[in-house]
Amino acid sequence: MTEQQRCRVMRAAGDLALQMASQEMDKMFGGLARSSRSNSISFSYRVQPFSPRPLPGIDEERLIRVRTCTECLNHYAVFVERRLLWG
């Protein structure tokens, strides 16, 4: 995984976590009065619509080829091919 791909995945995962937390908070507090006050304790809850941030773009080298691991059969991309010279 390239650095750009990692940043993209982390952004999407972070936004998904925020969205899930927001939904759970709305489940917990959404049925309560939006603002309540009793004795010296004050509680208020405000819903804001969640909008995920745009994912960062990917500007990578041109793909040379796709390879398949002989052990696990996962596919992976090769952007630069280097040959080792022996001897």
Protein backbone atom coordinates (compact mmCIF):
# COMPACT_ATOMS: atom_id res chain seq x y z
CA MET A 1 0.00 0.00 0.00
CA THR A 2 1.40 3.36 -0.94
CA GLU A 3 1.45 6.39 1.37
CA GLN A 4 -1.25 8.09 -0.69
CA GLN A 5 -3.47 5.01 -0.49
CA ARG A 6 -2.88 4.78 3.27
CA CYS A 7 -3.91 8.43 3.74
CA ARG A 8 -7.05 7.82 1.73
CA VAL A 9 -7.99 4.73 3.76
CA MET A 10 -7.31 6.52 7.06
CA ARG A 11 -9.50 9.49 6.02
CA ALA A 12 -12.37 7.18 5.02
CA ALA A 13 -12.04 5.13 8.22
CA GLY A 14 -11.93 8.26 10.39
CA ASP A 15 -15.03 9.68 8.75
CA LEU A 16 -16.84 6.36 9.10
CA ALA A 17 -15.99 6.29 12.83
CA LEU A 18 -17.30 9.86 13.25
CA GLN A 19 -20.49 9.00 11.39
CA MET A 20 -21.07 5.88 13.52
CA ALA A 21 -20.41 7.80 16.75
CA SER A 22 -22.81 10.53 15.66
CA GLN A 23 -25.52 7.98 14.92
CA GLU A 24 -25.04 6.32 18.32
CA MET A 25 -25.19 9.67 20.11
CA ASP A 26 -28.41 10.47 18.27
CA LYS A 27 -29.85 7.11 19.36
CA MET A 28 -28.88 7.77 22.98
CA PHE A 29 -29.92 11.41 23.26
CA GLY A 30 -32.26 11.96 20.31
CA GLY A 31 -35.37 10.96 22.27
CA LEU A 32 -34.60 13.37 25.11
CA ALA A 33 -35.75 16.92 25.10
CA ARG A 34 -33.29 18.95 23.09
CA SER A 35 -32.58 21.05 26.16
CA SER A 36 -33.36 20.27 29.76
CA ARG A 37 -32.55 21.95 33.05
CA SER A 38 -33.06 20.56 36.53
CA ASN A 39 -31.58 21.94 39.73
CA SER A 40 -27.95 22.81 39.04
CA ILE A 41 -27.40 20.39 36.15
CA SER A 42 -27.90 21.58 32.60
CA PHE A 43 -27.98 19.35 29.53
CA SER A 44 -28.36 20.25 25.89
CA TYR A 45 -28.05 18.20 22.73
CA ARG A 46 -27.82 19.48 19.18
CA VAL A 47 -27.86 17.42 16.00
CA GLN A 48 -25.65 18.44 13.12
CA PRO A 49 -25.80 16.55 9.83
CA PHE A 50 -22.65 14.58 9.10
CA SER A 51 -20.85 15.22 5.83
CA PRO A 52 -17.71 13.21 5.08
CA ARG A 53 -14.69 15.16 3.90
CA PRO A 54 -13.57 14.61 0.30
CA LEU A 55 -10.97 11.88 0.00
CA PRO A 56 -7.47 12.99 -0.93
CA GLY A 57 -6.55 12.34 -4.53
CA ILE A 58 -4.01 9.79 -5.64
CA ASP A 59 -1.23 10.86 -7.95
CA GLU A 60 1.01 7.85 -8.29
CA GLU A 61 3.43 6.50 -10.80
CA ARG A 62 2.05 4.61 -13.75
CA LEU A 63 1.26 0.99 -13.00
CA ILE A 64 3.70 -1.38 -14.69
CA ARG A 65 1.89 -4.63 -13.98
CA VAL A 66 -0.25 -6.55 -11.56
CA ARG A 67 1.27 -9.61 -9.92
CA THR A 68 -0.30 -12.45 -7.95
CA CYS A 69 1.25 -13.95 -4.83
CA THR A 70 1.76 -17.68 -5.40
CA GLU A 71 1.14 -18.46 -1.71
CA CYS A 72 -2.02 -16.46 -0.84
CA LEU A 73 -3.23 -15.54 -4.37
CA ASN A 74 -3.54 -11.84 -3.43
CA HIS A 75 -3.05 -9.41 -6.29
CA TYR A 76 -0.66 -6.49 -5.92
CA ALA A 77 0.51 -3.66 -8.14
CA VAL A 78 4.06 -3.12 -9.31
CA PHE A 79 4.96 0.48 -10.06
CA VAL A 80 8.73 0.12 -10.40
CA GLU A 81 10.50 -3.05 -11.37
CA ARG A 82 14.09 -3.52 -10.32
CA ARG A 83 16.23 -6.48 -11.23
CA LEU A 84 18.97 -7.66 -8.93
CA LEU A 85 22.26 -8.52 -10.54
CA TRP A 86 23.98 -11.48 -8.98
CA GLY A 87 27.64 -12.16 -9.06
